[in-house]
Protein backbone atom coordinates (compact mmCIF):
# COMPACT_ATOMS: atom_id res chain seq x y z
CA MET A 1 0.23 -0.11 -0.02
CA GLU A 2 1.24 3.59 -0.70
CA GLN A 3 1.48 5.53 2.63
CA VAL A 4 -1.85 6.53 4.30
CA ILE A 5 -1.16 9.45 6.02
CA THR A 6 1.31 11.87 4.11
CA SER A 7 0.64 15.29 6.01
CA LEU A 8 0.16 16.27 9.67
CA LEU A 9 -2.75 18.65 8.42
CA ASP A 10 -4.50 15.33 7.48
CA THR A 11 -6.61 15.49 10.49
CA ASP A 12 -9.85 17.22 12.14
CA LEU A 13 -9.67 20.79 12.99
CA TYR A 14 -10.72 20.33 16.86
CA LYS A 15 -7.44 18.59 17.47
CA PHE A 16 -6.01 21.92 17.36
CA SER A 17 -8.48 23.94 19.43
CA MET A 18 -8.46 21.02 21.93
CA GLY A 19 -4.21 20.75 21.44
CA GLN A 20 -3.87 24.26 22.55
CA LEU A 21 -5.63 23.80 25.46
CA ALA A 22 -3.77 20.60 26.41
CA MET A 23 -0.33 22.15 25.84
CA ARG A 24 -1.31 25.65 27.75
CA ARG A 25 -3.28 24.22 30.68
CA TYR A 26 -3.22 20.62 31.14
CA GLY A 27 0.98 19.98 30.27
CA ASP A 28 0.89 17.23 33.41
CA ALA A 29 -1.93 15.49 31.71
CA ASN A 30 -0.87 11.89 30.75
CA VAL A 31 -3.55 9.92 28.56
CA GLU A 32 -4.15 6.43 27.53
CA TRP A 33 -6.17 5.80 24.60
CA LYS A 34 -7.98 2.52 23.06
CA PHE A 35 -9.01 1.77 19.75
CA VAL A 36 -12.25 0.26 19.99
CA CYS A 37 -13.88 -1.63 16.89
CA ARG A 38 -17.94 -1.56 17.28
CA ASN A 39 -18.68 -4.25 14.40
CA LYS A 40 -18.85 -7.70 15.92
CA GLU A 41 -18.37 -9.33 12.85
CA VAL A 42 -15.27 -7.92 11.99
CA ARG A 43 -11.47 -9.53 12.23
CA PHE A 44 -8.12 -8.01 11.29
CA THR A 45 -5.92 -10.36 10.02
CA HIS A 46 -2.69 -10.44 10.84
CA GLU A 47 -1.28 -9.25 7.16
CA MET A 48 -3.91 -6.40 8.24
CA VAL A 49 -2.29 -5.39 11.39
CA GLU A 50 1.32 -5.85 10.06
CA GLU A 51 0.32 -3.24 7.48
CA ILE A 52 -1.36 -0.96 10.09
CA ARG A 53 1.81 -1.17 12.00
CA ARG A 54 3.97 -0.12 9.15
CA GLN A 55 1.59 2.86 8.54
CA ILE A 56 1.98 3.70 11.72
CA LYS A 57 5.34 4.12 11.47
CA LEU A 58 5.91 6.30 8.34
CA TYR A 59 3.16 8.53 10.04
CA CYS A 60 5.86 8.94 12.78
CA ASN A 61 8.50 9.98 10.50
CA LEU A 62 6.25 13.08 9.55
CA GLY A 63 6.70 16.84 10.58
CA PHE A 64 5.03 20.00 9.84
CA THR A 65 6.12 21.50 6.67
CA ALA A 66 6.76 25.12 6.26
CA GLN A 67 3.54 25.52 4.32
CA GLU A 68 1.19 23.99 6.84
CA ILE A 69 2.95 26.33 9.69
CA LYS A 70 2.36 29.29 7.43
CA TYR A 71 -1.65 28.10 6.89
CA LEU A 72 -1.97 27.13 10.88
CA SER A 73 -0.43 30.56 11.83
CA SER A 74 -3.41 32.27 9.57
CA ILE A 75 -5.87 30.82 12.04
CA SER A 76 -6.65 33.70 14.57
CA TRP A 77 -7.26 31.70 17.50
CA LEU A 78 -3.76 29.55 17.41
CA ASP A 79 -1.02 31.51 19.31
CA LYS A 80 2.48 32.16 18.18
CA GLY A 81 3.92 29.80 21.19
CA TYR A 82 1.54 27.04 20.34
CA ILE A 83 2.40 27.70 16.53
CA SER A 84 6.09 27.16 17.55
CA PHE A 85 5.60 24.41 19.27
CA LEU A 86 3.99 22.64 15.93
CA SER A 87 6.51 23.34 14.21
CA VAL A 88 8.82 20.90 16.15
CA TRP A 89 6.18 18.21 17.31
CA HIS A 90 6.00 15.13 15.46
CA PRO A 91 4.37 11.58 16.65
CA MET A 92 6.35 9.28 18.48
CA LEU A 93 6.43 5.56 17.81
CA GLU A 94 7.02 5.00 21.18
CA HIS A 95 3.87 6.26 22.39
CA PHE A 96 2.15 3.21 20.55
CA MET A 97 1.24 -0.28 21.56
CA ILE A 98 -0.08 -2.46 19.00
CA SER A 99 -0.91 -6.14 18.77
CA GLU A 100 -3.28 -8.65 17.98
CA ASP A 101 -4.81 -9.79 21.25
CA ALA A 102 -8.37 -8.50 20.85
CA GLU A 103 -11.39 -9.77 20.16
CA CYS A 104 -11.57 -8.17 16.70
CA GLY A 105 -7.85 -8.89 15.82
CA LEU A 106 -6.57 -5.49 16.69
CA ASN A 107 -5.55 -3.85 19.75
CA ILE A 108 -3.64 -0.29 19.79
CA ARG A 109 -3.35 1.62 22.64
CA THR A 110 -1.29 5.20 22.84
CA VAL A 111 0.19 6.13 26.32
CA GLY A 112 1.75 9.64 26.80
CA PRO A 113 1.51 13.35 27.76
CA TRP A 114 -1.97 14.67 26.52
CA PHE A 115 -0.82 17.76 24.69
CA LEU A 116 1.62 15.21 22.40
CA THR A 117 -0.74 12.53 21.78
CA ILE A 118 -3.97 14.34 21.30
CA TYR A 119 -3.16 14.24 17.61
CA TYR A 120 -2.90 10.59 16.83
CA GLU A 121 -6.87 9.74 17.31
CA ILE A 122 -7.78 10.92 13.76
CA PRO A 123 -4.56 9.66 11.54
CA VAL A 124 -4.76 6.22 13.26
CA LEU A 125 -8.46 5.69 12.45
CA SER A 126 -7.88 6.88 8.60
CA ILE A 127 -4.73 4.15 8.41
CA VAL A 128 -7.13 1.63 9.88
CA ASN A 129 -9.68 2.34 7.67
CA GLU A 130 -7.99 2.31 4.48
CA VAL A 131 -5.93 -0.82 5.10
CA TYR A 132 -8.95 -2.88 6.41
CA TYR A 133 -11.05 -2.01 3.06
CA HIS A 134 -7.64 -2.49 0.98
CA PHE A 135 -7.02 -6.02 2.35
CA GLN A 136 -10.84 -6.82 3.01
CA TYR A 137 -12.07 -6.09 -0.27
CA LYS A 138 -9.07 -6.22 -2.78
CA ASP A 139 -10.53 -7.93 -5.46
CA ARG A 140 -13.48 -5.16 -5.38
CA TYR A 141 -12.08 -2.14 -4.23
CA GLU A 142 -12.47 -0.21 -7.68
CA GLU A 143 -15.99 -1.26 -7.55
CA ILE A 144 -16.23 -0.16 -3.84
CA GLU A 145 -14.53 3.26 -4.81
CA LYS A 146 -17.06 3.92 -7.76
CA SER A 147 -19.90 3.09 -6.08
CA ALA A 148 -19.08 5.88 -3.25
CA LEU A 149 -19.05 8.53 -6.29
CA GLU A 150 -21.94 7.23 -7.94
CA LYS A 151 -23.73 7.57 -4.89
CA THR A 152 -22.67 11.41 -4.17
CA LYS A 153 -23.77 12.01 -7.62
CA GLN A 154 -27.13 10.94 -6.65
CA LYS A 155 -26.94 12.82 -3.25
CA ILE A 156 -26.29 15.81 -5.00
CA GLU A 157 -29.25 15.18 -7.10
CA ASP A 158 -31.33 14.72 -4.21
CA LEU A 159 -30.44 17.78 -2.48
CA GLY A 160 -30.67 19.71 -6.21
CA ASN A 161 -34.42 18.43 -6.69
CA GLY A 162 -35.74 19.45 -3.57
CA LYS A 163 -36.24 15.60 -2.15
CA TYR A 164 -34.08 16.54 0.85
CA VAL A 165 -33.68 20.13 2.27
CA ILE A 166 -30.92 20.29 5.17
CA GLY A 167 -29.73 23.96 5.06
CA SER A 168 -25.78 24.00 6.06
CA PHE A 169 -23.90 21.10 6.11
CA SER A 170 -20.27 19.80 6.69
CA GLU A 171 -17.77 17.35 5.91
CA PHE A 172 -16.81 15.24 9.27
CA GLY A 173 -15.81 11.79 8.01
CA THR A 174 -11.78 11.72 7.90
CA ARG A 175 -11.78 9.28 10.79
CA ARG A 176 -14.28 6.89 8.97
CA ARG A 177 -13.55 7.42 5.28
CA LEU A 178 -12.92 4.55 2.39
CA ASN A 179 -9.76 6.56 1.89
CA LYS A 180 -8.20 9.86 1.37
CA LYS A 181 -8.58 9.96 -2.51
CA THR A 182 -12.19 9.41 -2.47
CA GLN A 183 -12.80 11.83 0.56
CA LEU A 184 -10.88 14.45 -1.32
CA GLU A 185 -12.98 13.69 -4.52
CA ILE A 186 -16.34 13.63 -2.79
CA ILE A 187 -15.63 16.97 -1.37
CA ARG A 188 -14.91 18.41 -4.49
CA MET A 189 -18.09 17.38 -5.78
CA PHE A 190 -20.20 19.03 -2.86
CA LYS A 191 -18.11 22.20 -3.31
CA ASN A 192 -18.23 22.84 -7.27
CA ALA A 193 -22.09 21.61 -6.83
CA ASP A 194 -22.57 24.42 -4.37
CA LYS A 195 -20.72 26.76 -6.52
CA GLU A 196 -22.70 25.89 -9.40
CA GLY A 197 -26.28 26.04 -7.32
CA LYS A 198 -26.75 22.44 -7.89
CA LEU A 199 -27.65 21.85 -4.07
CA GLY A 200 -31.00 23.55 -4.03
CA ASN A 201 -32.02 25.06 -0.48
CA SER A 202 -28.95 23.35 1.25
CA HIS A 203 -25.24 24.76 1.47
CA PHE A 204 -21.81 22.98 1.44
CA GLY A 205 -20.13 24.57 4.57
CA GLY A 206 -16.74 23.05 4.70
CA THR A 207 -15.04 20.39 5.93
CA SER A 208 -13.48 19.39 9.24
CA ASN A 209 -10.38 18.44 7.50
CA VAL A 210 -7.71 20.92 7.67
CA LEU A 211 -5.62 19.95 5.12
CA TYR A 212 -8.53 19.59 2.14
CA ALA A 213 -9.80 22.84 3.96
CA MET A 214 -6.35 24.33 3.27
CA GLN A 215 -6.14 22.78 -0.30
CA GLU A 216 -9.44 23.44 -1.55
CA ASN A 217 -10.24 27.03 -0.07
CA LEU A 218 -13.08 25.87 2.38
CA LYS A 219 -13.65 27.02 5.63
CA ALA A 220 -12.25 24.36 8.38
CA ILE A 221 -14.79 23.45 11.01
CA GLY A 222 -14.45 22.09 14.45
CA THR A 223 -14.34 23.26 18.33
CA MET A 224 -14.19 20.51 20.99
CA ALA A 225 -14.65 16.51 21.69
CA HIS A 226 -15.56 14.38 24.45
CA GLU A 227 -11.87 13.76 25.52
CA VAL A 228 -11.39 17.47 26.92
CA PHE A 229 -14.17 16.44 29.15
CA MET A 230 -12.91 13.45 30.30
CA VAL A 231 -9.39 14.43 30.65
CA THR A 232 -9.82 17.70 32.41
CA GLY A 233 -12.96 17.06 34.33
CA GLN A 234 -12.08 13.18 35.54
CA GLY A 235 -8.54 13.03 34.94
CA TYR A 236 -7.99 15.32 38.31
CA PRO A 237 -9.33 13.53 41.78
CA GLU A 238 -9.81 16.84 43.45
CA ARG A 239 -12.64 17.76 40.94
CA ASN A 240 -16.17 16.31 41.28
CA PRO A 241 -16.48 15.10 37.60
CA ALA A 242 -19.94 15.78 37.47
CA TYR A 243 -18.85 19.51 36.95
CA SER A 244 -16.86 18.63 34.11
CA ASN A 245 -18.59 20.60 31.79
CA LYS A 246 -18.20 23.66 34.17
CA PHE A 247 -14.27 23.29 34.07
CA VAL A 248 -14.30 23.08 30.33
CA MET A 249 -16.44 25.85 29.78
CA ASP A 250 -14.16 28.15 32.10
CA ASP A 251 -11.25 26.97 30.50
CA TRP A 252 -12.33 27.48 27.09
CA HIS A 253 -13.76 31.14 27.80
CA ASP A 254 -10.52 31.97 29.51
CA LEU A 255 -8.26 30.87 26.43
CA TYR A 256 -10.51 31.53 23.56
CA GLY A 257 -13.10 34.48 24.70
CA VAL A 258 -16.04 34.01 22.20
CA GLN A 259 -14.17 32.49 19.60
CA LEU A 260 -14.56 28.70 18.82
CA GLY A 261 -18.19 28.85 20.04
CA ILE A 262 -20.03 25.40 19.66
CA ALA A 263 -20.31 23.57 22.94
CA LEU A 264 -20.52 19.67 22.92
CA THR A 265 -23.31 18.58 25.55
CA ASP A 266 -23.31 15.06 26.26
CA CYS A 267 -20.16 13.85 27.51
CA ILE A 268 -21.87 13.15 30.98
CA THR A 269 -25.41 13.42 29.28
CA THR A 270 -27.39 16.83 28.41
CA ASP A 271 -29.10 16.94 31.57
CA CYS A 272 -25.88 17.50 33.48
CA PHE A 273 -24.44 19.99 31.14
CA LEU A 274 -27.43 22.20 31.33
CA LEU A 275 -26.94 22.69 34.89
CA ASP A 276 -23.91 24.45 33.95
CA PHE A 277 -25.25 26.10 30.76
CA ASP A 278 -26.11 29.03 32.56
CA ILE A 279 -26.78 32.51 31.18
CA LYS A 280 -23.20 33.56 30.83
CA ASN A 281 -22.34 30.36 28.79
CA ALA A 282 -25.26 30.39 26.80
CA MET A 283 -24.62 34.01 25.56
CA LEU A 284 -20.92 33.33 25.32
CA PHE A 285 -21.31 29.92 23.18
CA SER A 286 -22.61 30.51 19.92
CA GLY A 287 -24.39 27.08 19.88
CA VAL A 288 -24.24 23.37 20.91
CA ARG A 289 -23.45 20.13 19.32
CA HIS A 290 -25.51 16.90 19.35
CA ASP A 291 -23.78 13.77 19.14
CA SER A 292 -25.75 11.06 20.94
CA GLY A 293 -29.37 10.42 22.05
CA ASP A 294 -32.81 11.36 20.42
CA PRO A 295 -31.80 14.16 18.00
CA PHE A 296 -35.55 15.65 18.11
CA GLU A 297 -35.84 15.59 22.24
CA TRP A 298 -32.19 16.94 22.45
CA GLY A 299 -33.62 19.91 19.68
CA ARG A 300 -36.46 20.48 21.98
CA LYS A 301 -34.76 20.50 24.75
CA MET A 302 -32.17 23.05 23.89
CA ILE A 303 -34.60 25.26 22.64
CA ALA A 304 -36.72 25.21 25.89
CA HIS A 305 -33.27 26.04 27.43
CA TYR A 306 -32.53 28.90 25.52
CA LYS A 307 -35.84 30.38 25.92
CA LYS A 308 -35.91 29.82 30.03
CA LEU A 309 -32.70 32.00 29.68
CA GLY A 310 -34.43 34.63 28.16
CA ILE A 311 -32.37 33.92 24.58
CA ASN A 312 -33.80 33.98 21.29
CA PRO A 313 -32.89 30.42 19.65
CA LYS A 314 -32.84 32.11 16.28
CA THR A 315 -29.62 33.58 17.45
CA LYS A 316 -27.81 30.27 18.25
CA THR A 317 -26.49 27.36 16.29
CA LEU A 318 -27.70 23.45 16.93
CA LEU A 319 -25.53 21.61 14.96
CA PHE A 320 -26.21 17.92 14.71
CA SER A 321 -23.55 15.02 14.46
CA ASP A 322 -24.72 11.97 15.02
CA ASN A 323 -25.00 9.29 12.65
CA LEU A 324 -26.66 11.31 10.07
CA ASN A 325 -27.86 10.66 6.78
CA PHE A 326 -29.65 13.25 4.28
CA GLU A 327 -33.34 11.89 5.22
CA LEU A 328 -32.62 12.11 8.83
CA ALA A 329 -30.84 15.42 8.33
CA SER A 330 -33.96 16.82 6.18
CA LYS A 331 -36.36 15.89 8.62
CA ILE A 332 -34.24 17.46 11.69
CA TYR A 333 -34.10 20.62 9.50
CA ALA A 334 -38.03 20.70 8.79
CA GLU A 335 -38.29 20.46 12.51
CA PHE A 336 -35.96 23.18 13.78
CA GLY A 337 -34.86 24.96 10.48
CA ASN A 338 -37.56 28.00 11.76
CA LEU A 339 -36.60 27.94 15.48
CA ALA A 340 -32.92 28.07 15.18
CA ASN A 341 -29.58 28.20 13.21
CA VAL A 342 -29.60 24.52 12.56
CA ALA A 343 -26.18 22.95 10.98
CA PHE A 344 -25.12 19.33 10.38
CA GLY A 345 -21.82 17.57 10.55
CA ILE A 346 -21.98 14.43 8.45
CA GLY A 347 -19.10 11.85 8.50
CA THR A 348 -19.74 8.23 7.22
CA PHE A 349 -23.07 8.86 5.34
CA LEU A 350 -20.43 11.47 2.95
CA VAL A 351 -17.46 9.97 2.73
CA ASN A 352 -18.07 6.15 3.22
CA ASP A 353 -21.55 5.29 1.69
CA THR A 354 -20.44 2.42 -0.35
CA CYS A 355 -22.01 -0.93 -1.70
CA VAL A 356 -20.25 -2.52 1.41
CA PRO A 357 -21.17 -2.11 5.27
CA PRO A 358 -18.90 0.86 6.87
CA LEU A 359 -16.67 0.37 9.86
CA ASN A 360 -18.01 1.40 13.13
CA ILE A 361 -14.48 2.34 14.97
CA VAL A 362 -13.30 4.81 17.52
CA MET A 363 -10.34 5.64 19.50
CA LYS A 364 -10.93 6.95 23.21
CA THR A 365 -9.43 8.15 26.17
CA VAL A 366 -9.83 5.12 28.73
CA LYS A 367 -7.40 6.79 31.27
CA ALA A 368 -5.90 10.17 32.23
CA ASN A 369 -3.41 10.71 34.92
CA GLY A 370 -3.57 7.09 35.94
CA ILE A 371 -7.45 7.50 36.51
CA PRO A 372 -10.04 5.69 34.65
CA VAL A 373 -12.28 8.22 32.65
CA VAL A 374 -15.68 7.55 31.14
CA LYS A 375 -18.15 8.93 28.39
CA ILE A 376 -21.64 8.58 29.49
CA SER A 377 -23.24 10.23 26.39
CA ASP A 378 -27.25 10.15 25.71
CA SER A 379 -27.33 6.91 23.86
CA PRO A 380 -26.63 3.21 25.49
CA GLY A 381 -24.09 1.56 23.79
CA LYS A 382 -22.20 5.00 22.98
CA GLY A 383 -20.44 5.43 26.21
CA ILE A 384 -16.44 4.31 26.76
CA GLY A 385 -14.85 2.97 29.40
CA GLU A 386 -12.93 0.07 30.70
CA ASN A 387 -13.89 0.52 34.46
CA ARG A 388 -17.00 -0.17 35.74
CA ALA A 389 -16.60 0.80 38.95
CA TYR A 390 -15.27 4.40 38.22
CA GLU A 391 -18.25 4.07 35.71
CA ASP A 392 -20.85 3.63 38.63
CA TYR A 393 -19.09 6.44 40.78
CA LEU A 394 -19.59 9.01 38.12
CA GLN A 395 -23.20 7.95 37.35
CA ARG A 396 -23.70 8.51 41.10
CA ALA A 397 -22.19 11.93 40.69
CA ILE A 398 -24.23 13.04 37.89
CA ASN A 399 -27.54 11.64 39.74
CA TRP A 400 -26.42 13.71 42.59
CA ARG A 401 -26.27 16.95 40.64
CA LEU A 402 -29.29 16.05 38.96
CA GLY A 403 -31.45 15.54 42.17
CA LYS A 404 -32.05 11.85 41.56
CA TYR A 405 -31.05 10.78 45.26
C-alpha cells in the first residue's frame, strides 16, 4: 500500500483547538487511548495488523512543513507559542502499543502526555479504515470506490431537486473515510455543486479536515470533542467529575474568549450539561452540538433551555453530528430550521457510503493521570470506558447533581 497519512494536517480541526488547551493548561496530563471496533463481525487479519503497524511507523516520520505552519499561523485563535511548538512536534512511535490480542484481532493503545498524543486519534483511525478495506475487499476495491462516487452524484441530485432540504452541512468524515483520495473527490463534488447552485436550498459549508480545507480554500470546522471533558474533568481527583462541563467551559472562555463557540453537550449527559449552561455560557457560546441520543428530543430541550434563559434560539446554532444521513437531516431541519440556526456535520454517510458496510471504529481516552475516565453520552452503547467501578461512581455523581437521590 501507498503511505496513507502524508501530512500532519490530514486531521480534524478540533485537534488543534483542544491541543492548544492541552499544552497551555494541562501539560501535566498523561493520557491512555484505546482503539475500539464496534462491528462485532469484523476481524483484522495478521496481514492487516502488520500493514497498520507499518503505516503508523511511516506516520511517525512526518513533521509539519513550512507551508502547513504558515496556514496554521493564519488561524486567529492559535497563538505564536503554540505554532512554534507545532513546528517541532512530530508523532512518536514509542507512544504506540500495537498487538493482535483483541476480540477483533487489532489492539492499539497510545500512552503519553496529552499535549503530545492528542493528535494521533484521527490519523490512526484513517489508517485502520484504509488498510482494512484494501485487504478485505482487494478484488472489489475499484467497484467500492466507484459506488461511493455514484452515490455522491445521487445525493447531489437529491438536494438539487428538493427531495432533501438540510440547510448548511459540512463534511466530518476523516476518521471513517473509505480512503483519502475518495474523501477529497467527494469534498470537491459538493464544493463544485454548491458553487454551481446545484444543491437547491442546501449549502455545503466546509470540512473538518484541515488539509483539504487548506487545499480547497474551504472553511475548516470544529471546536471540541469528548476527550477534553474526560481528561480535564475526570483526570484530576480533586475535581468532582459531575462538574466537568463547567471546568471545560471556564477554561475555554479563558483561553478563547467568544471564539470557537460550539459546545458539546453529551459527555456526561445533556441534562447534566444544562446545569452549568447558565446565562453566561449560553450567551458566550454561539451554539451547541448534538452527538448522541434522540436528536428531536435534544433539539426541543435546547430550544426550551435558551427560552428559559431569555435568549432567542434563532440567534444560536444547533449543530447535529450523530450518525446522520440526508433523510434524517432533512427531518431535523424541517423540525427546527425555523426555530434556530440549524447545521449538520456529516461523516460516514458522505465519505464511506458504498456498496459494502462501513466500519464503526473509535479511539477514545480510557485513562487520564492513571485514573479511569468514562464517556457516558445520551445513547446506550456509545459510552466508552474500561472501569465499571469508576463508571458507577461517575453515574452516582451525575445523579447527585440531577437531584435523583
